[in-house]
């Protein structure tokens, strides 16, 4: 039973991480289209945000598998 719940938790975390990455990427592309001169700053903010989301997702998956 615990393994099943861990798999559900890991899958749910993976799904949410993918959704947030898609949202960040889309928003960044819209922002760059509106202000091309700010592309470097927008890309940097996008990469930092994606890294933080990835770290939180990895932590959540590890917790789901340990529990």
N, C-alpha and C. Protein backbone atom coordinates (compact mmCIF):
# COMPACT_ATOMS: atom_id res chain seq x y z
N UNK A 1 0.82 -1.20 0.00
CA UNK A 1 0.00 0.00 0.00
C UNK A 1 0.87 1.26 0.00
N UNK A 2 1.93 1.24 0.79
CA UNK A 2 2.78 2.42 0.86
C UNK A 2 3.48 2.69 -0.46
N UNK A 3 3.90 1.62 -1.15
CA UNK A 3 4.54 1.79 -2.45
C UNK A 3 3.61 2.41 -3.47
N UNK A 4 2.33 2.03 -3.39
CA UNK A 4 1.35 2.59 -4.32
C UNK A 4 1.16 4.07 -4.06
N UNK A 5 1.06 4.44 -2.80
CA UNK A 5 0.89 5.86 -2.46
C UNK A 5 2.13 6.66 -2.85
N UNK A 6 3.30 6.07 -2.69
CA UNK A 6 4.53 6.76 -3.08
C UNK A 6 4.56 6.97 -4.59
N UNK A 7 4.13 5.97 -5.33
CA UNK A 7 4.10 6.11 -6.79
C UNK A 7 3.11 7.18 -7.22
N UNK A 8 1.96 7.23 -6.56
CA UNK A 8 0.97 8.27 -6.87
C UNK A 8 1.53 9.65 -6.53
N UNK A 9 2.18 9.77 -5.39
CA UNK A 9 2.77 11.05 -5.00
C UNK A 9 3.86 11.50 -5.94
N UNK A 10 4.73 10.56 -6.36
CA UNK A 10 5.81 10.91 -7.28
C UNK A 10 5.25 11.29 -8.65
N UNK A 11 4.23 10.57 -9.10
CA UNK A 11 3.61 10.90 -10.38
C UNK A 11 2.92 12.25 -10.35
N UNK A 12 2.24 12.54 -9.27
CA UNK A 12 1.56 13.82 -9.12
C UNK A 12 2.56 14.97 -9.11
N UNK A 13 3.65 14.78 -8.41
CA UNK A 13 4.69 15.81 -8.36
C UNK A 13 5.29 16.04 -9.74
N UNK A 14 5.53 14.96 -10.46
CA UNK A 14 6.09 15.07 -11.81
C UNK A 14 5.13 15.82 -12.73
N UNK A 15 3.85 15.52 -12.62
CA UNK A 15 2.85 16.19 -13.46
C UNK A 15 2.80 17.69 -13.16
N UNK A 16 2.79 18.06 -11.89
CA UNK A 16 2.72 19.48 -11.51
C UNK A 16 3.99 20.21 -11.94
N UNK A 17 5.13 19.55 -11.82
CA UNK A 17 6.39 20.17 -12.24
C UNK A 17 6.35 20.47 -13.73
N UNK A 18 5.84 19.53 -14.51
CA UNK A 18 5.73 19.74 -15.96
C UNK A 18 4.80 20.91 -16.27
N UNK A 19 3.69 21.00 -15.54
CA UNK A 19 2.73 22.08 -15.78
C UNK A 19 3.35 23.44 -15.46
N UNK A 20 4.11 23.53 -14.37
CA UNK A 20 4.74 24.81 -14.01
C UNK A 20 5.84 25.19 -15.00
N UNK A 21 6.59 24.19 -15.48
CA UNK A 21 7.61 24.49 -16.49
C UNK A 21 6.97 25.02 -17.77
N UNK A 22 5.85 24.42 -18.17
CA UNK A 22 5.15 24.87 -19.36
C UNK A 22 4.66 26.30 -19.17
N UNK A 23 4.15 26.62 -17.99
CA UNK A 23 3.65 27.96 -17.73
C UNK A 23 4.79 28.99 -17.74
N UNK A 24 5.89 28.64 -17.14
CA UNK A 24 7.04 29.56 -17.11
C UNK A 24 7.55 29.82 -18.52
N UNK A 25 7.68 28.75 -19.32
CA UNK A 25 8.18 28.90 -20.69
C UNK A 25 7.26 29.76 -21.54
N UNK A 26 5.96 29.51 -21.44
CA UNK A 26 5.00 30.30 -22.22
C UNK A 26 4.99 31.77 -21.82
N UNK A 27 5.04 32.01 -20.53
CA UNK A 27 5.05 33.40 -20.06
C UNK A 27 6.32 34.12 -20.47
N UNK A 28 7.44 33.41 -20.43
CA UNK A 28 8.70 34.02 -20.84
C UNK A 28 8.68 34.36 -22.33
N UNK A 29 8.13 33.47 -23.14
CA UNK A 29 8.07 33.75 -24.58
C UNK A 29 7.16 34.94 -24.87
N UNK A 30 6.06 35.05 -24.16
CA UNK A 30 5.18 36.22 -24.33
C UNK A 30 5.90 37.50 -23.92
N UNK A 31 6.62 37.45 -22.81
CA UNK A 31 7.33 38.64 -22.33
C UNK A 31 8.43 39.05 -23.31
N UNK A 32 9.15 38.07 -23.86
CA UNK A 32 10.21 38.39 -24.83
C UNK A 32 9.60 38.96 -26.11
N UNK A 33 8.43 38.45 -26.50
CA UNK A 33 7.77 38.98 -27.70
C UNK A 33 7.34 40.44 -27.49
N UNK A 34 6.97 40.78 -26.27
CA UNK A 34 6.54 42.15 -25.98
C UNK A 34 7.72 43.10 -25.83
N UNK A 35 8.80 42.61 -25.20
CA UNK A 35 9.98 43.45 -24.97
C UNK A 35 11.24 42.68 -25.35
N UNK A 36 11.58 42.66 -26.62
CA UNK A 36 12.77 41.90 -27.05
C UNK A 36 14.07 42.39 -26.43
N UNK A 37 14.13 43.66 -26.08
CA UNK A 37 15.37 44.19 -25.50
C UNK A 37 15.63 43.66 -24.09
N UNK A 38 14.61 43.11 -23.44
CA UNK A 38 14.77 42.57 -22.09
C UNK A 38 14.90 41.05 -22.10
N UNK A 39 15.23 40.49 -23.24
CA UNK A 39 15.27 39.02 -23.38
C UNK A 39 16.27 38.37 -22.43
N UNK A 40 17.42 38.98 -22.24
CA UNK A 40 18.44 38.39 -21.38
C UNK A 40 17.97 38.30 -19.93
N UNK A 41 17.37 39.36 -19.43
CA UNK A 41 16.86 39.36 -18.05
C UNK A 41 15.72 38.37 -17.89
N UNK A 42 14.86 38.31 -18.89
CA UNK A 42 13.72 37.39 -18.81
C UNK A 42 14.20 35.95 -18.82
N UNK A 43 15.17 35.64 -19.69
CA UNK A 43 15.69 34.28 -19.75
C UNK A 43 16.37 33.88 -18.45
N UNK A 44 17.10 34.80 -17.85
CA UNK A 44 17.76 34.51 -16.59
C UNK A 44 16.74 34.22 -15.50
N UNK A 45 15.70 35.04 -15.43
CA UNK A 45 14.65 34.80 -14.44
C UNK A 45 13.93 33.48 -14.69
N UNK A 46 13.73 33.14 -15.96
CA UNK A 46 13.07 31.89 -16.31
C UNK A 46 13.93 30.69 -15.88
N UNK A 47 15.22 30.75 -16.13
CA UNK A 47 16.10 29.64 -15.77
C UNK A 47 16.18 29.47 -14.26
N UNK A 48 16.25 30.57 -13.53
CA UNK A 48 16.30 30.48 -12.06
C UNK A 48 14.99 29.89 -11.53
N UNK A 49 13.87 30.34 -12.05
CA UNK A 49 12.57 29.82 -11.61
C UNK A 49 12.45 28.34 -11.93
N UNK A 50 12.87 27.94 -13.12
CA UNK A 50 12.80 26.53 -13.51
C UNK A 50 13.69 25.67 -12.60
N UNK A 51 14.84 26.18 -12.24
CA UNK A 51 15.73 25.43 -11.35
C UNK A 51 15.12 25.27 -9.96
N UNK A 52 14.49 26.31 -9.46
CA UNK A 52 13.85 26.21 -8.15
C UNK A 52 12.68 25.23 -8.17
N UNK A 53 11.91 25.25 -9.23
CA UNK A 53 10.80 24.30 -9.35
C UNK A 53 11.33 22.88 -9.45
N UNK A 54 12.39 22.70 -10.22
CA UNK A 54 12.97 21.37 -10.38
C UNK A 54 13.50 20.85 -9.04
N UNK A 55 14.14 21.72 -8.27
CA UNK A 55 14.64 21.32 -6.95
C UNK A 55 13.51 20.93 -6.01
N UNK A 56 12.45 21.72 -6.00
CA UNK A 56 11.31 21.40 -5.14
C UNK A 56 10.64 20.10 -5.57
N UNK A 57 10.56 19.87 -6.87
CA UNK A 57 9.96 18.64 -7.38
C UNK A 57 10.80 17.43 -7.00
N UNK A 58 12.11 17.55 -7.13
CA UNK A 58 12.99 16.45 -6.76
C UNK A 58 12.87 16.14 -5.26
N UNK A 59 12.82 17.18 -4.45
CA UNK A 59 12.66 16.99 -3.01
C UNK A 59 11.34 16.29 -2.71
N UNK A 60 10.27 16.70 -3.37
CA UNK A 60 8.95 16.10 -3.14
C UNK A 60 8.94 14.63 -3.57
N UNK A 61 9.60 14.31 -4.68
CA UNK A 61 9.65 12.92 -5.13
C UNK A 61 10.43 12.07 -4.14
N UNK A 62 11.53 12.57 -3.64
CA UNK A 62 12.33 11.82 -2.66
C UNK A 62 11.51 11.60 -1.39
N UNK A 63 10.81 12.61 -0.93
CA UNK A 63 9.97 12.46 0.27
C UNK A 63 8.86 11.44 0.02
N UNK A 64 8.26 11.49 -1.18
CA UNK A 64 7.20 10.52 -1.50
C UNK A 64 7.72 9.10 -1.52
N UNK A 65 8.93 8.90 -2.01
CA UNK A 65 9.49 7.55 -2.08
C UNK A 65 9.99 7.06 -0.73
N UNK A 66 10.42 7.97 0.13
CA UNK A 66 10.89 7.57 1.46
C UNK A 66 9.71 7.23 2.37
N UNK A 67 8.64 8.01 2.27
CA UNK A 67 7.50 7.84 3.17
C UNK A 67 6.73 6.57 2.89
